[in-house]
């Protein structure tokens, strides 16, 4: 099993370890903040600009990001990528028309 599977992606404050991301539910604000957040999670802290982003996320939002990114952890392994789509309302058992359903795209990586 890849070490990443056992490792949390980030931490909220000093309490909640987070193992998945749903940008709709994250308290990040602007699209630029979301992009910075994903960049650090994927690629880690590579330079002083990344360190500033990491510090700002922790100070302003209570999000503790790690120096090592997902890519650094998984790059020596082989994975099969599976793409999928589901509708959020189907999970919540709401009776809505197809036009009003919220489409969620999912990418799953399975170690080969």
PDB file of N, CA and C in Angstrom:
ATOM      1  N   UNK A   1       0.851  -1.187   0.000  1.00  0.00           N
ATOM      2  CA  UNK A   1       0.000   0.000   0.000  1.00  0.00           C
ATOM      3  C   UNK A   1       0.889   1.240   0.000  1.00  0.00           C
ATOM      4  N   UNK A   2       0.528   2.219  -0.764  1.00  0.00           N
ATOM      5  CA  UNK A   2       1.283   3.466  -0.860  1.00  0.00           C
ATOM      6  C   UNK A   2       1.169   4.230   0.452  1.00  0.00           C
ATOM      7  N   UNK A   3       2.287   4.850   0.871  1.00  0.00           N
ATOM      8  CA  UNK A   3       2.287   5.613   2.111  1.00  0.00           C
ATOM      9  C   UNK A   3       1.216   6.688   2.122  1.00  0.00           C
ATOM     10  N   UNK A   4       0.915   7.273   0.946  1.00  0.00           N
ATOM     11  CA  UNK A   4      -0.053   8.356   0.879  1.00  0.00           C
ATOM     12  C   UNK A   4      -1.427   7.922   1.381  1.00  0.00           C
ATOM     13  N   UNK A   5      -1.797   6.672   1.104  1.00  0.00           N
ATOM     14  CA  UNK A   5      -3.120   6.195   1.520  1.00  0.00           C
ATOM     15  C   UNK A   5      -3.252   6.321   3.035  1.00  0.00           C
ATOM     16  N   UNK A   6      -2.155   6.131   3.740  1.00  0.00           N
ATOM     17  CA  UNK A   6      -2.171   6.205   5.191  1.00  0.00           C
ATOM     18  C   UNK A   6      -2.001   7.634   5.687  1.00  0.00           C
ATOM     19  N   UNK A   7      -1.568   8.534   4.811  1.00  0.00           N
ATOM     20  CA  UNK A   7      -1.235   9.897   5.204  1.00  0.00           C
ATOM     21  C   UNK A   7      -2.392  10.845   4.938  1.00  0.00           C
ATOM     22  N   UNK A   8      -2.618  11.722   5.855  1.00  0.00           N
ATOM     23  CA  UNK A   8      -3.659  12.733   5.663  1.00  0.00           C
ATOM     24  C   UNK A   8      -3.196  13.756   4.631  1.00  0.00           C
ATOM     25  N   UNK A   9      -4.148  14.391   3.945  1.00  0.00           N
ATOM     26  CA  UNK A   9      -3.831  15.376   2.923  1.00  0.00           C
ATOM     27  C   UNK A   9      -3.513  16.734   3.545  1.00  0.00           C
ATOM     28  N   UNK A  10      -4.260  17.078   4.568  1.00  0.00           N
ATOM     29  CA  UNK A  10      -4.017  18.305   5.312  1.00  0.00           C
ATOM     30  C   UNK A  10      -4.758  18.196   6.630  1.00  0.00           C
ATOM     31  N   UNK A  11      -4.643  19.218   7.441  1.00  0.00           N
ATOM     32  CA  UNK A  11      -5.250  19.178   8.757  1.00  0.00           C
ATOM     33  C   UNK A  11      -5.980  20.494   8.999  1.00  0.00           C
ATOM     34  N   UNK A  12      -7.148  20.422   9.608  1.00  0.00           N
ATOM     35  CA  UNK A  12      -7.901  21.614   9.989  1.00  0.00           C
ATOM     36  C   UNK A  12      -7.634  21.906  11.456  1.00  0.00           C
ATOM     37  N   UNK A  13      -6.990  23.028  11.710  1.00  0.00           N
ATOM     38  CA  UNK A  13      -6.627  23.367  13.088  1.00  0.00           C
ATOM     39  C   UNK A  13      -5.754  22.284  13.679  1.00  0.00           C
ATOM     40  N   UNK A  14      -5.961  21.972  14.923  1.00  0.00           N
ATOM     41  CA  UNK A  14      -5.180  20.921  15.578  1.00  0.00           C
ATOM     42  C   UNK A  14      -5.978  19.635  15.747  1.00  0.00           C
ATOM     43  N   UNK A  15      -7.137  19.543  15.106  1.00  0.00           N
ATOM     44  CA  UNK A  15      -8.021  18.443  15.415  1.00  0.00           C
ATOM     45  C   UNK A  15      -8.320  17.500  14.260  1.00  0.00           C
ATOM     46  N   UNK A  16      -8.860  18.010  13.188  1.00  0.00           N
ATOM     47  CA  UNK A  16      -9.450  17.168  12.155  1.00  0.00           C
ATOM     48  C   UNK A  16      -8.469  16.859  11.023  1.00  0.00           C
ATOM     49  N   UNK A  17      -8.109  15.577  10.875  1.00  0.00           N
ATOM     50  CA  UNK A  17      -7.312  15.148   9.729  1.00  0.00           C
ATOM     51  C   UNK A  17      -8.228  14.979   8.535  1.00  0.00           C
ATOM     52  N   UNK A  18      -7.784  15.439   7.372  1.00  0.00           N
ATOM     53  CA  UNK A  18      -8.607  15.399   6.179  1.00  0.00           C
ATOM     54  C   UNK A  18      -7.938  14.498   5.143  1.00  0.00           C
ATOM     55  N   UNK A  19      -8.707  13.563   4.572  1.00  0.00           N
ATOM     56  CA  UNK A  19      -8.178  12.584   3.633  1.00  0.00           C
ATOM     57  C   UNK A  19      -8.739  12.741   2.224  1.00  0.00           C
ATOM     58  N   UNK A  20      -9.634  13.694   2.002  1.00  0.00           N
ATOM     59  CA  UNK A  20     -10.205  13.926   0.676  1.00  0.00           C
ATOM     60  C   UNK A  20     -10.508  15.415   0.528  1.00  0.00           C
ATOM     61  N   UNK A  21     -10.799  15.826  -0.717  1.00  0.00           N
ATOM     62  CA  UNK A  21     -11.049  17.240  -0.989  1.00  0.00           C
ATOM     63  C   UNK A  21     -12.358  17.386  -1.759  1.00  0.00           C
ATOM     64  N   UNK A  22     -13.174  18.325  -1.334  1.00  0.00           N
ATOM     65  CA  UNK A  22     -14.360  18.740  -2.092  1.00  0.00           C
ATOM     66  C   UNK A  22     -14.357  20.259  -2.038  1.00  0.00           C
ATOM     67  N   UNK A  23     -13.880  20.896  -3.114  1.00  0.00           N
ATOM     68  CA  UNK A  23     -13.712  22.351  -3.102  1.00  0.00           C
ATOM     69  C   UNK A  23     -15.017  23.101  -2.876  1.00  0.00           C
ATOM     70  N   UNK A  24     -16.149  22.469  -3.141  1.00  0.00           N
ATOM     71  CA  UNK A  24     -17.423  23.127  -2.881  1.00  0.00           C
ATOM     72  C   UNK A  24     -17.638  23.330  -1.385  1.00  0.00           C
ATOM     73  N   UNK A  25     -17.097  22.422  -0.577  1.00  0.00           N
ATOM     74  CA  UNK A  25     -17.296  22.494   0.869  1.00  0.00           C
ATOM     75  C   UNK A  25     -16.134  23.145   1.611  1.00  0.00           C
ATOM     76  N   UNK A  26     -15.036  23.415   0.941  1.00  0.00           N
ATOM     77  CA  UNK A  26     -13.887  24.036   1.588  1.00  0.00           C
ATOM     78  C   UNK A  26     -14.163  25.520   1.808  1.00  0.00           C
ATOM     79  N   UNK A  27     -13.659  26.043   2.901  1.00  0.00           N
ATOM     80  CA  UNK A  27     -13.820  27.458   3.217  1.00  0.00           C
ATOM     81  C   UNK A  27     -12.565  28.185   2.745  1.00  0.00           C
ATOM     82  N   UNK A  28     -12.498  28.451   1.437  1.00  0.00           N
ATOM     83  CA  UNK A  28     -11.287  29.031   0.872  1.00  0.00           C
ATOM     84  C   UNK A  28     -11.494  30.410   0.274  1.00  0.00           C
ATOM     85  N   UNK A  29     -12.679  30.740  -0.121  1.00  0.00           N
ATOM     86  CA  UNK A  29     -12.915  32.060  -0.686  1.00  0.00           C
ATOM     87  C   UNK A  29     -12.706  32.117  -2.184  1.00  0.00           C
ATOM     88  N   UNK A  30     -11.659  32.777  -2.613  1.00  0.00           N
ATOM     89  CA  UNK A  30     -11.450  33.063  -4.031  1.00  0.00           C
ATOM     90  C   UNK A  30     -10.938  31.858  -4.810  1.00  0.00           C
ATOM     91  N   UNK A  31     -11.062  31.939  -6.129  1.00  0.00           N
ATOM     92  CA  UNK A  31     -10.524  30.889  -6.998  1.00  0.00           C
ATOM     93  C   UNK A  31      -9.011  30.812  -6.880  1.00  0.00           C
ATOM     94  N   UNK A  32      -8.344  31.961  -6.692  1.00  0.00           N
ATOM     95  CA  UNK A  32      -6.888  31.962  -6.517  1.00  0.00           C
ATOM     96  C   UNK A  32      -6.486  31.170  -5.267  1.00  0.00           C
ATOM     97  N   UNK A  33      -7.241  31.332  -4.177  1.00  0.00           N
ATOM     98  CA  UNK A  33      -6.954  30.578  -2.960  1.00  0.00           C
ATOM     99  C   UNK A  33      -7.141  29.083  -3.192  1.00  0.00           C
ATOM    100  N   UNK A  34      -8.171  28.718  -3.937  1.00  0.00           N
ATOM    101  CA  UNK A  34      -8.416  27.307  -4.240  1.00  0.00           C
ATOM    102  C   UNK A  34      -7.272  26.732  -5.067  1.00  0.00           C
ATOM    103  N   UNK A  35      -6.806  27.502  -6.059  1.00  0.00           N
ATOM    104  CA  UNK A  35      -5.688  27.046  -6.886  1.00  0.00           C
ATOM    105  C   UNK A  35      -4.417  26.873  -6.061  1.00  0.00           C
ATOM    106  N   UNK A  36      -4.139  27.831  -5.177  1.00  0.00           N
ATOM    107  CA  UNK A  36      -2.953  27.727  -4.308  1.00  0.00           C
ATOM    108  C   UNK A  36      -3.053  26.503  -3.399  1.00  0.00           C
ATOM    109  N   UNK A  37      -4.228  26.291  -2.853  1.00  0.00           N
ATOM    110  CA  UNK A  37      -4.487  25.158  -1.962  1.00  0.00           C
ATOM    111  C   UNK A  37      -4.194  23.832  -2.672  1.00  0.00           C
ATOM    112  N   UNK A  38      -4.752  23.669  -3.869  1.00  0.00           N
ATOM    113  CA  UNK A  38      -4.550  22.444  -4.635  1.00  0.00           C
ATOM    114  C   UNK A  38      -3.079  22.292  -5.031  1.00  0.00           C
ATOM    115  N   UNK A  39      -2.448  23.396  -5.428  1.00  0.00           N
ATOM    116  CA  UNK A  39      -1.039  23.354  -5.832  1.00  0.00           C
ATOM    117  C   UNK A  39      -0.156  22.812  -4.710  1.00  0.00           C
ATOM    118  N   UNK A  40      -0.341  23.315  -3.491  1.00  0.00           N
ATOM    119  CA  UNK A  40       0.487  22.858  -2.368  1.00  0.00           C
ATOM    120  C   UNK A  40       0.166  21.411  -2.022  1.00  0.00           C
ATOM    121  N   UNK A  41      -1.096  21.026  -2.040  1.00  0.00           N
ATOM    122  CA  UNK A  41      -1.443  19.632  -1.749  1.00  0.00           C
ATOM    123  C   UNK A  41      -0.822  18.695  -2.787  1.00  0.00           C
ATOM    124  N   UNK A  42      -0.880  19.070  -4.056  1.00  0.00           N
ATOM    125  CA  UNK A  42      -0.347  18.201  -5.111  1.00  0.00           C
ATOM    126  C   UNK A  42       1.178  18.177  -5.159  1.00  0.00           C
ATOM    127  N   UNK A  43       1.802  19.352  -5.114  1.00  0.00           N
ATOM    128  CA  UNK A  43       3.243  19.438  -5.368  1.00  0.00           C
ATOM    129  C   UNK A  43       4.082  19.777  -4.153  1.00  0.00           C
ATOM    130  N   UNK A  44       3.453  20.101  -3.025  1.00  0.00           N
ATOM    131  CA  UNK A  44       4.202  20.417  -1.820  1.00  0.00           C
ATOM    132  C   UNK A  44       4.815  21.800  -1.865  1.00  0.00           C
ATOM    133  N   UNK A  45       5.663  22.057  -0.885  1.00  0.00           N
ATOM    134  CA  UNK A  45       6.338  23.343  -0.771  1.00  0.00           C
ATOM    135  C   UNK A  45       7.681  23.242  -1.473  1.00  0.00           C
ATOM    136  N   UNK A  46       7.834  23.990  -2.561  1.00  0.00           N
ATOM    137  CA  UNK A  46       9.052  23.912  -3.379  1.00  0.00           C
ATOM    138  C   UNK A  46       9.916  25.164  -3.287  1.00  0.00           C
ATOM    139  N   UNK A  47       9.322  26.302  -2.896  1.00  0.00           N
ATOM    140  CA  UNK A  47      10.083  27.547  -2.865  1.00  0.00           C
ATOM    141  C   UNK A  47       9.488  28.490  -1.814  1.00  0.00           C
ATOM    142  N   UNK A  48      10.055  29.674  -1.723  1.00  0.00           N
ATOM    143  CA  UNK A  48       9.621  30.643  -0.722  1.00  0.00           C
ATOM    144  C   UNK A  48       8.173  31.100  -0.950  1.00  0.00           C
ATOM    145  N   UNK A  49       7.757  31.227  -2.209  1.00  0.00           N
ATOM    146  CA  UNK A  49       6.378  31.615  -2.508  1.00  0.00           C
ATOM    147  C   UNK A  49       5.394  30.563  -1.976  1.00  0.00           C
ATOM    148  N   UNK A  50       5.719  29.281  -2.174  1.00  0.00           N
ATOM    149  CA  UNK A  50       4.881  28.196  -1.644  1.00  0.00           C
ATOM    150  C   UNK A  50       4.827  28.251  -0.119  1.00  0.00           C
ATOM    151  N   UNK A  51       5.960  28.564   0.513  1.00  0.00           N
ATOM    152  CA  UNK A  51       6.010  28.652   1.979  1.00  0.00           C
ATOM    153  C   UNK A  51       5.084  29.772   2.450  1.00  0.00           C
ATOM    154  N   UNK A  52       5.047  30.895   1.733  1.00  0.00           N
ATOM    155  CA  UNK A  52       4.157  32.009   2.093  1.00  0.00           C
ATOM    156  C   UNK A  52       2.696  31.580   1.972  1.00  0.00           C
ATOM    157  N   UNK A  53       2.370  30.856   0.906  1.00  0.00           N
ATOM    158  CA  UNK A  53       0.999  30.364   0.714  1.00  0.00           C
ATOM    159  C   UNK A  53       0.618  29.439   1.865  1.00  0.00           C
ATOM    160  N   UNK A  54       1.513  28.529   2.200  1.00  0.00           N
ATOM    161  CA  UNK A  54       1.261  27.579   3.294  1.00  0.00           C
ATOM    162  C   UNK A  54       1.021  28.322   4.605  1.00  0.00           C
ATOM    163  N   UNK A  55       1.851  29.302   4.898  1.00  0.00           N
ATOM    164  CA  UNK A  55       1.716  30.079   6.134  1.00  0.00           C
ATOM    165  C   UNK A  55       0.409  30.864   6.147  1.00  0.00           C
ATOM    166  N   UNK A  56       0.056  31.471   5.011  1.00  0.00           N
ATOM    167  CA  UNK A  56      -1.182  32.243   4.912  1.00  0.00           C
ATOM    168  C   UNK A  56      -2.403  31.346   5.127  1.00  0.00           C
ATOM    169  N   UNK A  57      -2.386  30.137   4.555  1.00  0.00           N
ATOM    170  CA  UNK A  57      -3.502  29.195   4.731  1.00  0.00           C
ATOM    171  C   UNK A  57      -3.673  28.843   6.206  1.00  0.00           C
ATOM    172  N   UNK A  58      -2.554  28.635   6.895  1.00  0.00           N
ATOM    173  CA  UNK A  58      -2.634  28.265   8.301  1.00  0.00           C
ATOM    174  C   UNK A  58      -3.090  29.451   9.150  1.00  0.00           C
ATOM    175  N   UNK A  59      -2.519  30.615   8.906  1.00  0.00           N
ATOM    176  CA  UNK A  59      -2.849  31.803   9.699  1.00  0.00           C
ATOM    177  C   UNK A  59      -4.282  32.261   9.475  1.00  0.00           C
ATOM    178  N   UNK A  60      -4.694  32.362   8.218  1.00  0.00           N
ATOM    179  CA  UNK A  60      -6.009  32.928   7.905  1.00  0.00           C
ATOM    180  C   UNK A  60      -7.159  31.929   7.966  1.00  0.00           C
ATOM    181  N   UNK A  61      -6.880  30.652   7.625  1.00  0.00           N
ATOM    182  CA  UNK A  61      -7.969  29.684   7.509  1.00  0.00           C
ATOM    183  C   UNK A  61      -7.853  28.496   8.458  1.00  0.00           C
ATOM    184  N   UNK A  62      -6.753  28.386   9.171  1.00  0.00           N
ATOM    185  CA  UNK A  62      -6.564  27.256  10.079  1.00  0.00           C
ATOM    186  C   UNK A  62      -6.300  25.945   9.361  1.00  0.00           C
ATOM    187  N   UNK A  63      -5.850  26.026   8.094  1.00  0.00           N
ATOM    188  CA  UNK A  63      -5.555  24.823   7.307  1.00  0.00           C
ATOM    189  C   UNK A  63      -4.059  24.562   7.364  1.00  0.00           C
ATOM    190  N   UNK A  64      -3.682  23.420   7.885  1.00  0.00           N
ATOM    191  CA  UNK A  64      -2.270  23.053   7.995  1.00  0.00           C
ATOM    192  C   UNK A  64      -1.918  22.156   6.817  1.00  0.00           C
ATOM    193  N   UNK A  65      -1.095  22.680   5.912  1.00  0.00           N
ATOM    194  CA  UNK A  65      -0.649  21.929   4.740  1.00  0.00           C
ATOM    195  C   UNK A  65       0.722  21.334   5.029  1.00  0.00           C
ATOM    196  N   UNK A  66       1.068  20.286   4.308  1.00  0.00           N
ATOM    197  CA  UNK A  66       2.337  19.602   4.522  1.00  0.00           C
ATOM    198  C   UNK A  66       3.344  19.989   3.451  1.00  0.00           C
ATOM    199  N   UNK A  67       4.629  19.934   3.809  1.00  0.00           N
ATOM    200  CA  UNK A  67       5.691  20.290   2.862  1.00  0.00           C
ATOM    201  C   UNK A  67       5.760  19.313   1.694  1.00  0.00           C
ATOM    202  N   UNK A  68       5.495  18.047   1.962  1.00  0.00           N
ATOM    203  CA  UNK A  68       5.549  17.028   0.918  1.00  0.00           C
ATOM    204  C   UNK A  68       4.184  16.923   0.248  1.00  0.00           C
ATOM    205  N   UNK A  69       4.168  16.983  -1.077  1.00  0.00           N
ATOM    206  CA  UNK A  69       2.919  16.901  -1.816  1.00  0.00           C
ATOM    207  C   UNK A  69       2.570  15.476  -2.212  1.00  0.00           C
ATOM    208  N   UNK A  70       1.354  15.303  -2.690  1.00  0.00           N
ATOM    209  CA  UNK A  70       0.882  13.994  -3.132  1.00  0.00           C
ATOM    210  C   UNK A  70       1.788  13.429  -4.219  1.00  0.00           C
ATOM    211  N   UNK A  71       2.174  14.283  -5.173  1.00  0.00           N
ATOM    212  CA  UNK A  71       3.002  13.814  -6.285  1.00  0.00           C
ATOM    213  C   UNK A  71       4.313  13.219  -5.785  1.00  0.00           C
ATOM    214  N   UNK A  72       4.940  13.859  -4.794  1.00  0.00           N
ATOM    215  CA  UNK A  72       6.199  13.344  -4.251  1.00  0.00           C
ATOM    216  C   UNK A  72       6.030  11.965  -3.625  1.00  0.00           C
ATOM    217  N   UNK A  73       4.875  11.719  -3.066  1.00  0.00           N
ATOM    218  CA  UNK A  73       4.626  10.454  -2.380  1.00  0.00           C
ATOM    219  C   UNK A  73       4.328   9.331  -3.368  1.00  0.00           C
ATOM    220  N   UNK A  74       3.589   9.632  -4.427  1.00  0.00           N
ATOM    221  CA  UNK A  74       3.134   8.554  -5.318  1.00  0.00           C
ATOM    222  C   UNK A  74       3.956   8.385  -6.591  1.00  0.00           C
ATOM    223  N   UNK A  75       4.910   9.286  -6.868  1.00  0.00           N
ATOM    224  CA  UNK A  75       5.587   9.278  -8.164  1.00  0.00           C
ATOM    225  C   UNK A  75       6.388   8.015  -8.451  1.00  0.00           C
ATOM    226  N   UNK A  76       6.729   7.257  -7.457  1.00  0.00           N
ATOM    227  CA  UNK A  76       7.495   6.027  -7.676  1.00  0.00           C
ATOM    228  C   UNK A  76       6.607   4.791  -7.837  1.00  0.00           C
ATOM    229  N   UNK A  77       5.307   4.998  -7.869  1.00  0.00           N
ATOM    230  CA  UNK A  77       4.355   3.897  -7.975  1.00  0.00           C
ATOM    231  C   UNK A  77       3.577   3.989  -9.286  1.00  0.00           C
ATOM    232  N   UNK A  78       2.920   2.897  -9.658  1.00  0.00           N
ATOM    233  CA  UNK A  78       2.093   2.858 -10.866  1.00  0.00           C
ATOM    234  C   UNK A  78       0.637   2.731 -10.454  1.00  0.00           C
ATOM    235  N   UNK A  79      -0.217   3.529 -11.105  1.00  0.00           N
ATOM    236  CA  UNK A  79      -1.628   3.542 -10.759  1.00  0.00           C
ATOM    237  C   UNK A  79      -2.490   3.435 -12.005  1.00  0.00           C
ATOM    238  N   UNK A  80      -3.688   2.931 -11.806  1.00  0.00           N
ATOM    239  CA  UNK A  80      -4.717   2.943 -12.841  1.00  0.00           C
ATOM    240  C   UNK A  80      -5.677   4.057 -12.445  1.00  0.00           C
ATOM    241  N   UNK A  81      -5.962   4.959 -13.399  1.00  0.00           N
ATOM    242  CA  UNK A  81      -6.858   6.071 -13.141  1.00  0.00           C
ATOM    243  C   UNK A  81      -8.260   5.705 -13.610  1.00  0.00           C
ATOM    244  N   UNK A  82      -9.245   5.912 -12.755  1.00  0.00           N
ATOM    245  CA  UNK A  82     -10.636   5.658 -13.116  1.00  0.00           C
ATOM    246  C   UNK A  82     -11.419   6.944 -12.918  1.00  0.00           C
ATOM    247  N   UNK A  83     -12.162   7.308 -13.950  1.00  0.00           N
ATOM    248  CA  UNK A  83     -12.975   8.514 -13.897  1.00  0.00           C
ATOM    249  C   UNK A  83     -14.427   8.142 -13.676  1.00  0.00           C
ATOM    250  N   UNK A  84     -15.134   8.957 -12.957  1.00  0.00           N
ATOM    251  CA  UNK A  84     -16.538   8.669 -12.713  1.00  0.00           C
ATOM    252  C   UNK A  84     -17.332   9.939 -12.496  1.00  0.00           C
ATOM    253  N   UNK A  85     -18.638   9.792 -12.530  1.00  0.00           N
ATOM    254  CA  UNK A  85     -19.560  10.896 -12.304  1.00  0.00           C
ATOM    255  C   UNK A  85     -20.690  10.379 -11.422  1.00  0.00           C
ATOM    256  N   UNK A  86     -21.092  11.186 -10.475  1.00  0.00           N
ATOM    257  CA  UNK A  86     -22.292  10.856  -9.710  1.00  0.00           C
ATOM    258  C   UNK A  86     -23.055  12.145  -9.468  1.00  0.00           C
ATOM    259  N   UNK A  87     -24.286  11.998  -9.065  1.00  0.00           N
ATOM    260  CA  UNK A  87     -25.119  13.154  -8.769  1.00  0.00           C
ATOM    261  C   UNK A  87     -25.336  13.233  -7.277  1.00  0.00           C
ATOM    262  N   UNK A  88     -24.989  14.369  -6.707  1.00  0.00           N
ATOM    263  CA  UNK A  88     -25.041  14.566  -5.265  1.00  0.00           C
ATOM    264  C   UNK A  88     -26.420  14.251  -4.700  1.00  0.00           C
ATOM    265  N   UNK A  89     -27.464  14.640  -5.396  1.00  0.00           N
ATOM    266  CA  UNK A  89     -28.826  14.429  -4.893  1.00  0.00           C
ATOM    267  C   UNK A  89     -29.187  12.951  -4.787  1.00  0.00           C
ATOM    268  N   UNK A  90     -28.600  12.114  -5.649  1.00  0.00           N
ATOM    269  CA  UNK A  90     -28.887  10.678  -5.576  1.00  0.00           C
ATOM    270  C   UNK A  90     -28.360  10.082  -4.282  1.00  0.00           C
ATOM    271  N   UNK A  91     -27.258  10.613  -3.783  1.00  0.00           N
ATOM    272  CA  UNK A  91     -26.717  10.141  -2.515  1.00  0.00           C
ATOM    273  C   UNK A  91     -27.563  10.603  -1.342  1.00  0.00           C
ATOM    274  N   UNK A  92     -28.215  11.742  -1.513  1.00  0.00           N
ATOM    275  CA  UNK A  92     -29.042  12.301  -0.447  1.00  0.00           C
ATOM    276  C   UNK A  92     -30.497  11.864  -0.561  1.00  0.00           C
ATOM    277  N   UNK A  93     -30.798  11.074  -1.565  1.00  0.00           N
ATOM    278  CA  UNK A  93     -32.140  10.549  -1.814  1.00  0.00           C
ATOM    279  C   UNK A  93     -33.187  11.657  -1.946  1.00  0.00           C
ATOM    280  N   UNK A  94     -32.826  12.719  -2.645  1.00  0.00           N
ATOM    281  CA  UNK A  94     -33.781  13.792  -2.916  1.00  0.00           C
ATOM    282  C   UNK A  94     -34.447  13.522  -4.253  1.00  0.00           C
ATOM    283  N   UNK A  95     -35.693  13.906  -4.354  1.00  0.00           N
ATOM    284  CA  UNK A  95     -36.435  13.703  -5.598  1.00  0.00           C
ATOM    285  C   UNK A  95     -36.346  14.987  -6.426  1.00  0.00           C
ATOM    286  N   UNK A  96     -35.326  15.051  -7.306  1.00  0.00           N
ATOM    287  CA  UNK A  96     -35.147  16.229  -8.148  1.00  0.00           C
ATOM    288  C   UNK A  96     -35.067  15.790  -9.601  1.00  0.00           C
ATOM    289  N   UNK A  97     -35.386  16.708 -10.488  1.00  0.00           N
ATOM    290  CA  UNK A  97     -35.280  16.396 -11.912  1.00  0.00           C
ATOM    291  C   UNK A  97     -33.805  16.387 -12.311  1.00  0.00           C
ATOM    292  N   UNK A  98     -33.497  15.723 -13.419  1.00  0.00           N
ATOM    293  CA  UNK A  98     -32.111  15.630 -13.878  1.00  0.00           C
ATOM    294  C   UNK A  98     -31.485  17.000 -14.113  1.00  0.00           C
ATOM    295  N   UNK A  99     -32.281  17.956 -14.591  1.00  0.00           N
ATOM    296  CA  UNK A  99     -31.758  19.290 -14.886  1.00  0.00           C
ATOM    297  C   UNK A  99     -31.289  20.021 -13.632  1.00  0.00           C
ATOM    298  N   UNK A 100     -31.844  19.664 -12.476  1.00  0.00           N
ATOM    299  CA  UNK A 100     -31.509  20.344 -11.227  1.00  0.00           C
ATOM    300  C   UNK A 100     -30.503  19.584 -10.372  1.00  0.00           C
ATOM    301  N   UNK A 101     -29.976  18.491 -10.864  1.00  0.00           N
ATOM    302  CA  UNK A 101     -29.028  17.704 -10.084  1.00  0.00           C
ATOM    303  C   UNK A 101     -27.630  18.297 -10.191  1.00  0.00           C
ATOM    304  N   UNK A 102     -26.857  18.133  -9.123  1.00  0.00           N
ATOM    305  CA  UNK A 102     -25.478  18.612  -9.075  1.00  0.00           C
ATOM    306  C   UNK A 102     -24.544  17.485  -9.470  1.00  0.00           C
ATOM    307  N   UNK A 103     -23.873  17.669 -10.599  1.00  0.00           N
ATOM    308  CA  UNK A 103     -22.964  16.646 -11.109  1.00  0.00           C
ATOM    309  C   UNK A 103     -21.612  16.765 -10.409  1.00  0.00           C
ATOM    310  N   UNK A 104     -21.101  15.662  -9.890  1.00  0.00           N
ATOM    311  CA  UNK A 104     -19.791  15.598  -9.247  1.00  0.00           C
ATOM    312  C   UNK A 104     -18.903  14.666 -10.054  1.00  0.00           C
ATOM    313  N   UNK A 105     -17.720  15.121 -10.366  1.00  0.00           N
ATOM    314  CA  UNK A 105     -16.756  14.280 -11.074  1.00  0.00           C
ATOM    315  C   UNK A 105     -15.770  13.724 -10.057  1.00  0.00           C
ATOM    316  N   UNK A 106     -15.426  12.475 -10.224  1.00  0.00           N
ATOM    317  CA  UNK A 106     -14.558  11.783  -9.287  1.00  0.00           C
ATOM    318  C   UNK A 106     -13.412  11.133 -10.043  1.00  0.00           C
ATOM    319  N   UNK A 107     -12.202  11.276  -9.509  1.00  0.00           N
ATOM    320  CA  UNK A 107     -11.048  10.576 -10.049  1.00  0.00           C
ATOM    321  C   UNK A 107     -10.531   9.662  -8.947  1.00  0.00           C
ATOM    322  N   UNK A 108     -10.427   8.384  -9.269  1.00  0.00           N
ATOM    323  CA  UNK A 108      -9.933   7.394  -8.314  1.00  0.00           C
ATOM    324  C   UNK A 108      -8.664   6.776  -8.869  1.00  0.00           C
ATOM    325  N   UNK A 109      -7.663   6.656  -8.025  1.00  0.00           N
ATOM    326  CA  UNK A 109      -6.408   6.026  -8.414  1.00  0.00           C
ATOM    327  C   UNK A 109      -6.255   4.728  -7.645  1.00  0.00           C
ATOM    328  N   UNK A 110      -6.016   3.650  -8.396  1.00  0.00           N
ATOM    329  CA  UNK A 110      -5.849   2.331  -7.791  1.00  0.00           C
ATOM    330  C   UNK A 110      -4.424   1.871  -8.088  1.00  0.00           C
ATOM    331  N   UNK A 111      -3.727   1.494  -7.041  1.00  0.00           N
ATOM    332  CA  UNK A 111      -2.341   1.061  -7.234  1.00  0.00           C
ATOM    333  C   UNK A 111      -2.311  -0.196  -8.093  1.00  0.00           C
ATOM    334  N   UNK A 112      -1.469  -0.180  -9.137  1.00  0.00           N
ATOM    335  CA  UNK A 112      -1.367  -1.310 -10.060  1.00  0.00           C
ATOM    336  C   UNK A 112      -0.370  -2.329  -9.557  1.00  0.00           C
TER     337      UNK A 112
END
